[in-house]
Amino acid sequence: WHRQFPGNQRELVAGISTIGRTNYAD
């Protein structure tokens, strides 16, 4: 999942990798 604020680029919010590892924005 990504999100985009007005006037900004998309940023990563959270992801699940090909090996099932999750990561989150701080």
mmCIF file of all heavy atoms, coordinates in Angstrom:
data_MODEL
# 
_entry.id   MODEL 
# 
loop_
_atom_site.group_PDB 
_atom_site.id 
_atom_site.type_symbol 
_atom_site.label_atom_id 
_atom_site.label_alt_id 
_atom_site.label_comp_id 
_atom_site.label_asym_id 
_atom_site.label_entity_id 
_atom_site.label_seq_id 
_atom_site.pdbx_PDB_ins_code 
_atom_site.Cartn_x 
_atom_site.Cartn_y 
_atom_site.Cartn_z 
_atom_site.occupancy 
_atom_site.B_iso_or_equiv 
_atom_site.pdbx_formal_charge 
_atom_site.auth_seq_id 
_atom_site.auth_comp_id 
_atom_site.auth_asym_id 
_atom_site.auth_atom_id 
_atom_site.pdbx_PDB_model_num 
ATOM 1   N N   . TRP A 1 1  ? 0.865  -1.174  0.000  1.00 0.00 ? 1  TRP A N   1 
ATOM 2   C CA  . TRP A 1 1  ? 0.000  0.000   0.000  1.00 0.00 ? 1  TRP A CA  1 
ATOM 3   C C   . TRP A 1 1  ? 0.905  1.227   0.000  1.00 0.00 ? 1  TRP A C   1 
ATOM 4   O O   . TRP A 1 1  ? 1.867  1.305   0.761  1.00 0.00 ? 1  TRP A O   1 
ATOM 5   C CB  . TRP A 1 1  ? -0.898 0.020   1.230  1.00 0.00 ? 1  TRP A CB  1 
ATOM 6   C CG  . TRP A 1 1  ? -1.997 -0.988  1.190  1.00 0.00 ? 1  TRP A CG  1 
ATOM 7   C CD1 . TRP A 1 1  ? -1.969 -2.254  1.683  1.00 0.00 ? 1  TRP A CD1 1 
ATOM 8   C CD2 . TRP A 1 1  ? -3.298 -0.813  0.623  1.00 0.00 ? 1  TRP A CD2 1 
ATOM 9   N NE1 . TRP A 1 1  ? -3.165 -2.883  1.458  1.00 0.00 ? 1  TRP A NE1 1 
ATOM 10  C CE2 . TRP A 1 1  ? -3.995 -2.018  0.821  1.00 0.00 ? 1  TRP A CE2 1 
ATOM 11  C CE3 . TRP A 1 1  ? -3.946 0.241   -0.017 1.00 0.00 ? 1  TRP A CE3 1 
ATOM 12  C CZ2 . TRP A 1 1  ? -5.310 -2.191  0.381  1.00 0.00 ? 1  TRP A CZ2 1 
ATOM 13  C CZ3 . TRP A 1 1  ? -5.248 0.075   -0.440 1.00 0.00 ? 1  TRP A CZ3 1 
ATOM 14  C CH2 . TRP A 1 1  ? -5.929 -1.135  -0.245 1.00 0.00 ? 1  TRP A CH2 1 
ATOM 15  N N   . HIS A 1 2  ? 0.551  2.185   -0.822 1.00 0.00 ? 2  HIS A N   1 
ATOM 16  C CA  . HIS A 1 2  ? 1.227  3.472   -0.857 1.00 0.00 ? 2  HIS A CA  1 
ATOM 17  C C   . HIS A 1 2  ? 0.187  4.557   -0.612 1.00 0.00 ? 2  HIS A C   1 
ATOM 18  O O   . HIS A 1 2  ? -1.015 4.321   -0.686 1.00 0.00 ? 2  HIS A O   1 
ATOM 19  C CB  . HIS A 1 2  ? 1.867  3.709   -2.231 1.00 0.00 ? 2  HIS A CB  1 
ATOM 20  C CG  . HIS A 1 2  ? 3.033  2.827   -2.534 1.00 0.00 ? 2  HIS A CG  1 
ATOM 21  N ND1 . HIS A 1 2  ? 2.924  1.486   -2.770 1.00 0.00 ? 2  HIS A ND1 1 
ATOM 22  C CD2 . HIS A 1 2  ? 4.356  3.119   -2.646 1.00 0.00 ? 2  HIS A CD2 1 
ATOM 23  C CE1 . HIS A 1 2  ? 4.119  0.973   -3.020 1.00 0.00 ? 2  HIS A CE1 1 
ATOM 24  N NE2 . HIS A 1 2  ? 5.002  1.943   -2.947 1.00 0.00 ? 2  HIS A NE2 1 
ATOM 25  N N   . ARG A 1 3  ? 0.662  5.764   -0.341 1.00 0.00 ? 3  ARG A N   1 
ATOM 26  C CA  . ARG A 1 3  ? -0.250 6.895   -0.231 1.00 0.00 ? 3  ARG A CA  1 
ATOM 27  C C   . ARG A 1 3  ? 0.397  8.121   -0.841 1.00 0.00 ? 3  ARG A C   1 
ATOM 28  O O   . ARG A 1 3  ? 1.626  8.206   -0.948 1.00 0.00 ? 3  ARG A O   1 
ATOM 29  C CB  . ARG A 1 3  ? -0.658 7.156   1.218  1.00 0.00 ? 3  ARG A CB  1 
ATOM 30  C CG  . ARG A 1 3  ? 0.457  7.574   2.144  1.00 0.00 ? 3  ARG A CG  1 
ATOM 31  C CD  . ARG A 1 3  ? -0.073 7.644   3.576  1.00 0.00 ? 3  ARG A CD  1 
ATOM 32  N NE  . ARG A 1 3  ? 0.969  8.007   4.533  1.00 0.00 ? 3  ARG A NE  1 
ATOM 33  C CZ  . ARG A 1 3  ? 0.801  8.027   5.857  1.00 0.00 ? 3  ARG A CZ  1 
ATOM 34  N NH1 . ARG A 1 3  ? -0.384 7.693   6.370  1.00 0.00 ? 3  ARG A NH1 1 
ATOM 35  N NH2 . ARG A 1 3  ? 1.791  8.367   6.647  1.00 0.00 ? 3  ARG A NH2 1 
ATOM 36  N N   . GLN A 1 4  ? -0.437 9.040   -1.238 1.00 0.00 ? 4  GLN A N   1 
ATOM 37  C CA  . GLN A 1 4  ? 0.040  10.252  -1.887 1.00 0.00 ? 4  GLN A CA  1 
ATOM 38  C C   . GLN A 1 4  ? -0.658 11.451  -1.286 1.00 0.00 ? 4  GLN A C   1 
ATOM 39  O O   . GLN A 1 4  ? -1.892 11.534  -1.269 1.00 0.00 ? 4  GLN A O   1 
ATOM 40  C CB  . GLN A 1 4  ? -0.228 10.181  -3.390 1.00 0.00 ? 4  GLN A CB  1 
ATOM 41  C CG  . GLN A 1 4  ? 0.374  11.313  -4.185 1.00 0.00 ? 4  GLN A CG  1 
ATOM 42  C CD  . GLN A 1 4  ? 0.334  11.040  -5.677 1.00 0.00 ? 4  GLN A CD  1 
ATOM 43  O OE1 . GLN A 1 4  ? -0.377 10.147  -6.157 1.00 0.00 ? 4  GLN A OE1 1 
ATOM 44  N NE2 . GLN A 1 4  ? 1.111  11.797  -6.440 1.00 0.00 ? 4  GLN A NE2 1 
ATOM 45  N N   . PHE A 1 5  ? 0.166  12.378  -0.803 1.00 0.00 ? 5  PHE A N   1 
ATOM 46  C CA  . PHE A 1 5  ? -0.340 13.642  -0.288 1.00 0.00 ? 5  PHE A CA  1 
ATOM 47  C C   . PHE A 1 5  ? -0.382 14.637  -1.440 1.00 0.00 ? 5  PHE A C   1 
ATOM 48  O O   . PHE A 1 5  ? 0.383  14.530  -2.406 1.00 0.00 ? 5  PHE A O   1 
ATOM 49  C CB  . PHE A 1 5  ? 0.548  14.167  0.826  1.00 0.00 ? 5  PHE A CB  1 
ATOM 50  C CG  . PHE A 1 5  ? 0.748  13.197  1.954  1.00 0.00 ? 5  PHE A CG  1 
ATOM 51  C CD1 . PHE A 1 5  ? 1.964  12.551  2.129  1.00 0.00 ? 5  PHE A CD1 1 
ATOM 52  C CD2 . PHE A 1 5  ? -0.277 12.926  2.842  1.00 0.00 ? 5  PHE A CD2 1 
ATOM 53  C CE1 . PHE A 1 5  ? 2.149  11.655  3.163  1.00 0.00 ? 5  PHE A CE1 1 
ATOM 54  C CE2 . PHE A 1 5  ? -0.106 12.023  3.881  1.00 0.00 ? 5  PHE A CE2 1 
ATOM 55  C CZ  . PHE A 1 5  ? 1.117  11.387  4.042  1.00 0.00 ? 5  PHE A CZ  1 
ATOM 56  N N   . PRO A 1 6  ? -1.266 15.644  -1.370 1.00 0.00 ? 6  PRO A N   1 
ATOM 57  C CA  . PRO A 1 6  ? -1.348 16.625  -2.457 1.00 0.00 ? 6  PRO A CA  1 
ATOM 58  C C   . PRO A 1 6  ? -0.011 17.263  -2.783 1.00 0.00 ? 6  PRO A C   1 
ATOM 59  O O   . PRO A 1 6  ? 0.682  17.736  -1.879 1.00 0.00 ? 6  PRO A O   1 
ATOM 60  C CB  . PRO A 1 6  ? -2.340 17.655  -1.916 1.00 0.00 ? 6  PRO A CB  1 
ATOM 61  C CG  . PRO A 1 6  ? -3.175 16.896  -0.943 1.00 0.00 ? 6  PRO A CG  1 
ATOM 62  C CD  . PRO A 1 6  ? -2.249 15.892  -0.316 1.00 0.00 ? 6  PRO A CD  1 
ATOM 63  N N   . GLY A 1 7  ? 0.389  17.212  -4.041 1.00 0.00 ? 7  GLY A N   1 
ATOM 64  C CA  . GLY A 1 7  ? 1.635  17.831  -4.467 1.00 0.00 ? 7  GLY A CA  1 
ATOM 65  C C   . GLY A 1 7  ? 2.875  17.018  -4.191 1.00 0.00 ? 7  GLY A C   1 
ATOM 66  O O   . GLY A 1 7  ? 3.984  17.451  -4.496 1.00 0.00 ? 7  GLY A O   1 
ATOM 67  N N   . ASN A 1 8  ? 2.709  15.838  -3.616 1.00 0.00 ? 8  ASN A N   1 
ATOM 68  C CA  . ASN A 1 8  ? 3.869  15.009  -3.278 1.00 0.00 ? 8  ASN A CA  1 
ATOM 69  C C   . ASN A 1 8  ? 3.867  13.699  -4.063 1.00 0.00 ? 8  ASN A C   1 
ATOM 70  O O   . ASN A 1 8  ? 2.862  13.310  -4.645 1.00 0.00 ? 8  ASN A O   1 
ATOM 71  C CB  . ASN A 1 8  ? 3.886  14.692  -1.787 1.00 0.00 ? 8  ASN A CB  1 
ATOM 72  C CG  . ASN A 1 8  ? 4.133  15.914  -0.935 1.00 0.00 ? 8  ASN A CG  1 
ATOM 73  O OD1 . ASN A 1 8  ? 4.656  16.907  -1.412 1.00 0.00 ? 8  ASN A OD1 1 
ATOM 74  N ND2 . ASN A 1 8  ? 3.739  15.828  0.313  1.00 0.00 ? 8  ASN A ND2 1 
ATOM 75  N N   . GLN A 1 9  ? 5.011  13.038  -4.030 1.00 0.00 ? 9  GLN A N   1 
ATOM 76  C CA  . GLN A 1 9  ? 5.099  11.719  -4.635 1.00 0.00 ? 9  GLN A CA  1 
ATOM 77  C C   . GLN A 1 9  ? 4.455  10.677  -3.730 1.00 0.00 ? 9  GLN A C   1 
ATOM 78  O O   . GLN A 1 9  ? 4.239  10.914  -2.541 1.00 0.00 ? 9  GLN A O   1 
ATOM 79  C CB  . GLN A 1 9  ? 6.567  11.359  -4.874 1.00 0.00 ? 9  GLN A CB  1 
ATOM 80  C CG  . GLN A 1 9  ? 7.244  12.194  -5.938 1.00 0.00 ? 9  GLN A CG  1 
ATOM 81  C CD  . GLN A 1 9  ? 8.664  11.737  -6.186 1.00 0.00 ? 9  GLN A CD  1 
ATOM 82  O OE1 . GLN A 1 9  ? 9.312  11.183  -5.304 1.00 0.00 ? 9  GLN A OE1 1 
ATOM 83  N NE2 . GLN A 1 9  ? 9.157  11.963  -7.385 1.00 0.00 ? 9  GLN A NE2 1 
ATOM 84  N N   . ARG A 1 10 ? 4.182  9.529   -4.299 1.00 0.00 ? 10 ARG A N   1 
ATOM 85  C CA  . ARG A 1 10 ? 3.652  8.446   -3.487 1.00 0.00 ? 10 ARG A CA  1 
ATOM 86  C C   . ARG A 1 10 ? 4.735  7.936   -2.553 1.00 0.00 ? 10 ARG A C   1 
ATOM 87  O O   . ARG A 1 10 ? 5.906  7.861   -2.923 1.00 0.00 ? 10 ARG A O   1 
ATOM 88  C CB  . ARG A 1 10 ? 3.164  7.307   -4.384 1.00 0.00 ? 10 ARG A CB  1 
ATOM 89  C CG  . ARG A 1 10 ? 1.948  7.661   -5.195 1.00 0.00 ? 10 ARG A CG  1 
ATOM 90  C CD  . ARG A 1 10 ? 1.478  6.526   -6.070 1.00 0.00 ? 10 ARG A CD  1 
ATOM 91  N NE  . ARG A 1 10 ? 0.480  7.001   -7.011 1.00 0.00 ? 10 ARG A NE  1 
ATOM 92  C CZ  . ARG A 1 10 ? -0.092 6.244   -7.932 1.00 0.00 ? 10 ARG A CZ  1 
ATOM 93  N NH1 . ARG A 1 10 ? 0.230  4.961   -8.037 1.00 0.00 ? 10 ARG A NH1 1 
ATOM 94  N NH2 . ARG A 1 10 ? -0.992 6.773   -8.739 1.00 0.00 ? 10 ARG A NH2 1 
ATOM 95  N N   . GLU A 1 11 ? 4.299  7.559   -1.354 1.00 0.00 ? 11 GLU A N   1 
ATOM 96  C CA  . GLU A 1 11 ? 5.233  6.977   -0.410 1.00 0.00 ? 11 GLU A CA  1 
ATOM 97  C C   . GLU A 1 11 ? 4.712  5.621   0.033  1.00 0.00 ? 11 GLU A C   1 
ATOM 98  O O   . GLU A 1 11 ? 3.501  5.386   0.110  1.00 0.00 ? 11 GLU A O   1 
ATOM 99  C CB  . GLU A 1 11 ? 5.426  7.883   0.812  1.00 0.00 ? 11 GLU A CB  1 
ATOM 100 C CG  . GLU A 1 11 ? 4.189  8.083   1.661  1.00 0.00 ? 11 GLU A CG  1 
ATOM 101 C CD  . GLU A 1 11 ? 4.464  8.887   2.917  1.00 0.00 ? 11 GLU A CD  1 
ATOM 102 O OE1 . GLU A 1 11 ? 5.354  9.749   2.893  1.00 0.00 ? 11 GLU A OE1 1 
ATOM 103 O OE2 . GLU A 1 11 ? 3.792  8.620   3.937  1.00 0.00 ? 11 GLU A OE2 1 
ATOM 104 N N   . LEU A 1 12 ? 5.652  4.737   0.335  1.00 0.00 ? 12 LEU A N   1 
ATOM 105 C CA  . LEU A 1 12 ? 5.283  3.405   0.797  1.00 0.00 ? 12 LEU A CA  1 
ATOM 106 C C   . LEU A 1 12 ? 4.721  3.493   2.198  1.00 0.00 ? 12 LEU A C   1 
ATOM 107 O O   . LEU A 1 12 ? 5.311  4.109   3.081  1.00 0.00 ? 12 LEU A O   1 
ATOM 108 C CB  . LEU A 1 12 ? 6.505  2.486   0.777  1.00 0.00 ? 12 LEU A CB  1 
ATOM 109 C CG  . LEU A 1 12 ? 6.273  1.075   1.311  1.00 0.00 ? 12 LEU A CG  1 
ATOM 110 C CD1 . LEU A 1 12 ? 5.352  0.294   0.384  1.00 0.00 ? 12 LEU A CD1 1 
ATOM 111 C CD2 . LEU A 1 12 ? 7.616  0.352   1.468  1.00 0.00 ? 12 LEU A CD2 1 
ATOM 112 N N   . VAL A 1 13 ? 3.580  2.852   2.411  1.00 0.00 ? 13 VAL A N   1 
ATOM 113 C CA  . VAL A 1 13 ? 2.974  2.772   3.728  1.00 0.00 ? 13 VAL A CA  1 
ATOM 114 C C   . VAL A 1 13 ? 3.297  1.422   4.362  1.00 0.00 ? 13 VAL A C   1 
ATOM 115 O O   . VAL A 1 13 ? 3.741  1.342   5.505  1.00 0.00 ? 13 VAL A O   1 
ATOM 116 C CB  . VAL A 1 13 ? 1.448  2.954   3.638  1.00 0.00 ? 13 VAL A CB  1 
ATOM 117 C CG1 . VAL A 1 13 ? 0.809  2.770   5.003  1.00 0.00 ? 13 VAL A CG1 1 
ATOM 118 C CG2 . VAL A 1 13 ? 1.114  4.323   3.064  1.00 0.00 ? 13 VAL A CG2 1 
ATOM 119 N N   . ALA A 1 14 ? 3.057  0.354   3.618  1.00 0.00 ? 14 ALA A N   1 
ATOM 120 C CA  . ALA A 1 14 ? 3.277  -0.995  4.134  1.00 0.00 ? 14 ALA A CA  1 
ATOM 121 C C   . ALA A 1 14 ? 3.412  -1.951  2.964  1.00 0.00 ? 14 ALA A C   1 
ATOM 122 O O   . ALA A 1 14 ? 2.832  -1.725  1.901  1.00 0.00 ? 14 ALA A O   1 
ATOM 123 C CB  . ALA A 1 14 ? 2.129  -1.425  5.036  1.00 0.00 ? 14 ALA A CB  1 
ATOM 124 N N   . GLY A 1 15 ? 4.155  -3.033  3.170  1.00 0.00 ? 15 GLY A N   1 
ATOM 125 C CA  . GLY A 1 15 ? 4.335  -4.004  2.111  1.00 0.00 ? 15 GLY A CA  1 
ATOM 126 C C   . GLY A 1 15 ? 4.576  -5.395  2.652  1.00 0.00 ? 15 GLY A C   1 
ATOM 127 O O   . GLY A 1 15 ? 4.972  -5.571  3.812  1.00 0.00 ? 15 GLY A O   1 
ATOM 128 N N   . ILE A 1 16 ? 4.312  -6.367  1.815  1.00 0.00 ? 16 ILE A N   1 
ATOM 129 C CA  . ILE A 1 16 ? 4.649  -7.763  2.102  1.00 0.00 ? 16 ILE A CA  1 
ATOM 130 C C   . ILE A 1 16 ? 5.503  -8.244  0.938  1.00 0.00 ? 16 ILE A C   1 
ATOM 131 O O   . ILE A 1 16 ? 5.061  -8.223  -0.214 1.00 0.00 ? 16 ILE A O   1 
ATOM 132 C CB  . ILE A 1 16 ? 3.406  -8.657  2.246  1.00 0.00 ? 16 ILE A CB  1 
ATOM 133 C CG1 . ILE A 1 16 ? 2.503  -8.155  3.373  1.00 0.00 ? 16 ILE A CG1 1 
ATOM 134 C CG2 . ILE A 1 16 ? 3.825  -10.098 2.514  1.00 0.00 ? 16 ILE A CG2 1 
ATOM 135 C CD1 . ILE A 1 16 ? 1.239  -8.981  3.573  1.00 0.00 ? 16 ILE A CD1 1 
ATOM 136 N N   . SER A 1 17 ? 6.709  -8.680  1.235  1.00 0.00 ? 17 SER A N   1 
ATOM 137 C CA  . SER A 1 17 ? 7.663  -9.069  0.191  1.00 0.00 ? 17 SER A CA  1 
ATOM 138 C C   . SER A 1 17 ? 7.335  -10.452 -0.366 1.00 0.00 ? 17 SER A C   1 
ATOM 139 O O   . SER A 1 17 ? 6.436  -11.146 0.113  1.00 0.00 ? 17 SER A O   1 
ATOM 140 C CB  . SER A 1 17 ? 9.081  -9.058  0.757  1.00 0.00 ? 17 SER A CB  1 
ATOM 141 O OG  . SER A 1 17 ? 9.254  -10.172 1.650  1.00 0.00 ? 17 SER A OG  1 
ATOM 142 N N   . THR A 1 18 ? 8.109  -10.854 -1.360 1.00 0.00 ? 18 THR A N   1 
ATOM 143 C CA  . THR A 1 18 ? 7.903  -12.155 -1.990 1.00 0.00 ? 18 THR A CA  1 
ATOM 144 C C   . THR A 1 18 ? 8.123  -13.309 -1.018 1.00 0.00 ? 18 THR A C   1 
ATOM 145 O O   . THR A 1 18 ? 7.598  -14.406 -1.221 1.00 0.00 ? 18 THR A O   1 
ATOM 146 C CB  . THR A 1 18 ? 8.840  -12.325 -3.184 1.00 0.00 ? 18 THR A CB  1 
ATOM 147 O OG1 . THR A 1 18 ? 10.192 -12.129 -2.748 1.00 0.00 ? 18 THR A OG1 1 
ATOM 148 C CG2 . THR A 1 18 ? 8.528  -11.305 -4.269 1.00 0.00 ? 18 THR A CG2 1 
ATOM 149 N N   . ILE A 1 19 ? 8.874  -13.065 0.044  1.00 0.00 ? 19 ILE A N   1 
ATOM 150 C CA  . ILE A 1 19 ? 9.114  -14.122 1.035  1.00 0.00 ? 19 ILE A CA  1 
ATOM 151 C C   . ILE A 1 19 ? 8.248  -13.920 2.274  1.00 0.00 ? 19 ILE A C   1 
ATOM 152 O O   . ILE A 1 19 ? 8.479  -14.557 3.303  1.00 0.00 ? 19 ILE A O   1 
ATOM 153 C CB  . ILE A 1 19 ? 10.608 -14.189 1.435  1.00 0.00 ? 19 ILE A CB  1 
ATOM 154 C CG1 . ILE A 1 19 ? 11.081 -12.858 2.013  1.00 0.00 ? 19 ILE A CG1 1 
ATOM 155 C CG2 . ILE A 1 19 ? 11.453 -14.601 0.234  1.00 0.00 ? 19 ILE A CG2 1 
ATOM 156 C CD1 . ILE A 1 19 ? 12.487 -12.920 2.596  1.00 0.00 ? 19 ILE A CD1 1 
ATOM 157 N N   . GLY A 1 20 ? 7.257  -13.042 2.154  1.00 0.00 ? 20 GLY A N   1 
ATOM 158 C CA  . GLY A 1 20 ? 6.301  -12.888 3.237  1.00 0.00 ? 20 GLY A CA  1 
ATOM 159 C C   . GLY A 1 20 ? 6.709  -11.945 4.349  1.00 0.00 ? 20 GLY A C   1 
ATOM 160 O O   . GLY A 1 20 ? 6.048  -11.887 5.391  1.00 0.00 ? 20 GLY A O   1 
ATOM 161 N N   . ARG A 1 21 ? 7.782  -11.208 4.145  1.00 0.00 ? 21 ARG A N   1 
ATOM 162 C CA  . ARG A 1 21 ? 8.229  -10.277 5.181  1.00 0.00 ? 21 ARG A CA  1 
ATOM 163 C C   . ARG A 1 21 ? 7.462  -8.966  5.058  1.00 0.00 ? 21 ARG A C   1 
ATOM 164 O O   . ARG A 1 21 ? 7.313  -8.426  3.974  1.00 0.00 ? 21 ARG A O   1 
ATOM 165 C CB  . ARG A 1 21 ? 9.727  -10.023 5.037  1.00 0.00 ? 21 ARG A CB  1 
ATOM 166 C CG  . ARG A 1 21 ? 10.323 -9.131  6.104  1.00 0.00 ? 21 ARG A CG  1 
ATOM 167 C CD  . ARG A 1 21 ? 11.835 -9.149  5.991  1.00 0.00 ? 21 ARG A CD  1 
ATOM 168 N NE  . ARG A 1 21 ? 12.369 -10.483 6.229  1.00 0.00 ? 21 ARG A NE  1 
ATOM 169 C CZ  . ARG A 1 21 ? 13.635 -10.815 6.047  1.00 0.00 ? 21 ARG A CZ  1 
ATOM 170 N NH1 . ARG A 1 21 ? 14.508 -9.914  5.616  1.00 0.00 ? 21 ARG A NH1 1 
ATOM 171 N NH2 . ARG A 1 21 ? 14.040 -12.043 6.285  1.00 0.00 ? 21 ARG A NH2 1 
ATOM 172 N N   . THR A 1 22 ? 6.996  -8.459  6.181  1.00 0.00 ? 22 THR A N   1 
ATOM 173 C CA  . THR A 1 22 ? 6.252  -7.200  6.176  1.00 0.00 ? 22 THR A CA  1 
ATOM 174 C C   . THR A 1 22 ? 7.165  -6.045  6.560  1.00 0.00 ? 22 THR A C   1 
ATOM 175 O O   . THR A 1 22 ? 8.126  -6.219  7.320  1.00 0.00 ? 22 THR A O   1 
ATOM 176 C CB  . THR A 1 22 ? 5.072  -7.239  7.145  1.00 0.00 ? 22 THR A CB  1 
ATOM 177 O OG1 . THR A 1 22 ? 5.551  -7.524  8.461  1.00 0.00 ? 22 THR A OG1 1 
ATOM 178 C CG2 . THR A 1 22 ? 4.065  -8.303  6.756  1.00 0.00 ? 22 THR A CG2 1 
ATOM 179 N N   . ASN A 1 23 ? 6.864  -4.887  6.034  1.00 0.00 ? 23 ASN A N   1 
ATOM 180 C CA  . ASN A 1 23 ? 7.576  -3.671  6.434  1.00 0.00 ? 23 ASN A CA  1 
ATOM 181 C C   . ASN A 1 23 ? 6.599  -2.516  6.431  1.00 0.00 ? 23 ASN A C   1 
ATOM 182 O O   . ASN A 1 23 ? 5.607  -2.522  5.687  1.00 0.00 ? 23 ASN A O   1 
ATOM 183 C CB  . ASN A 1 23 ? 8.767  -3.392  5.512  1.00 0.00 ? 23 ASN A CB  1 
ATOM 184 C CG  . ASN A 1 23 ? 8.361  -3.100  4.090  1.00 0.00 ? 23 ASN A CG  1 
ATOM 185 O OD1 . ASN A 1 23 ? 7.861  -3.967  3.392  1.00 0.00 ? 23 ASN A OD1 1 
ATOM 186 N ND2 . ASN A 1 23 ? 8.544  -1.862  3.661  1.00 0.00 ? 23 ASN A ND2 1 
ATOM 187 N N   . TYR A 1 24 ? 6.874  -1.562  7.292  1.00 0.00 ? 24 TYR A N   1 
ATOM 188 C CA  . TYR A 1 24 ? 5.989  -0.423  7.475  1.00 0.00 ? 24 TYR A CA  1 
ATOM 189 C C   . TYR A 1 24 ? 6.780  0.876   7.507  1.00 0.00 ? 24 TYR A C   1 
ATOM 190 O O   . TYR A 1 24 ? 7.914  0.907   7.986  1.00 0.00 ? 24 TYR A O   1 
ATOM 191 C CB  . TYR A 1 24 ? 5.211  -0.556  8.797  1.00 0.00 ? 24 TYR A CB  1 
ATOM 192 C CG  . TYR A 1 24 ? 4.262  -1.728  8.840  1.00 0.00 ? 24 TYR A CG  1 
ATOM 193 C CD1 . TYR A 1 24 ? 4.680  -2.960  9.330  1.00 0.00 ? 24 TYR A CD1 1 
ATOM 194 C CD2 . TYR A 1 24 ? 2.944  -1.601  8.393  1.00 0.00 ? 24 TYR A CD2 1 
ATOM 195 C CE1 . TYR A 1 24 ? 3.812  -4.044  9.368  1.00 0.00 ? 24 TYR A CE1 1 
ATOM 196 C CE2 . TYR A 1 24 ? 2.075  -2.678  8.428  1.00 0.00 ? 24 TYR A CE2 1 
ATOM 197 C CZ  . TYR A 1 24 ? 2.511  -3.888  8.916  1.00 0.00 ? 24 TYR A CZ  1 
ATOM 198 O OH  . TYR A 1 24 ? 1.644  -4.964  8.953  1.00 0.00 ? 24 TYR A OH  1 
ATOM 199 N N   . ALA A 1 25 ? 6.146  1.925   7.043  1.00 0.00 ? 25 ALA A N   1 
ATOM 200 C CA  . ALA A 1 25 ? 6.721  3.249   7.232  1.00 0.00 ? 25 ALA A CA  1 
ATOM 201 C C   . ALA A 1 25 ? 6.746  3.549   8.724  1.00 0.00 ? 25 ALA A C   1 
ATOM 202 O O   . ALA A 1 25 ? 5.843  3.137   9.466  1.00 0.00 ? 25 ALA A O   1 
ATOM 203 C CB  . ALA A 1 25 ? 5.894  4.294   6.491  1.00 0.00 ? 25 ALA A CB  1 
ATOM 204 N N   . ASP A 1 26 ? 7.759  4.256   9.164  1.00 0.00 ? 26 ASP A N   1 
ATOM 205 C CA  . ASP A 1 26 ? 7.878  4.576   10.589 1.00 0.00 ? 26 ASP A CA  1 
ATOM 206 C C   . ASP A 1 26 ? 6.641  5.300   11.107 1.00 0.00 ? 26 ASP A C   1 
ATOM 207 O O   . ASP A 1 26 ? 6.227  5.101   12.250 1.00 0.00 ? 26 ASP A O   1 
ATOM 208 C CB  . ASP A 1 26 ? 9.111  5.441   10.835 1.00 0.00 ? 26 ASP A CB  1 
ATOM 209 C CG  . ASP A 1 26 ? 10.403 4.655   10.687 1.00 0.00 ? 26 ASP A CG  1 
ATOM 210 O OD1 . ASP A 1 26 ? 10.366 3.416   10.728 1.00 0.00 ? 26 ASP A OD1 1 
ATOM 211 O OD2 . ASP A 1 26 ? 11.462 5.299   10.528 1.00 0.00 ? 26 ASP A OD2 1 
# 
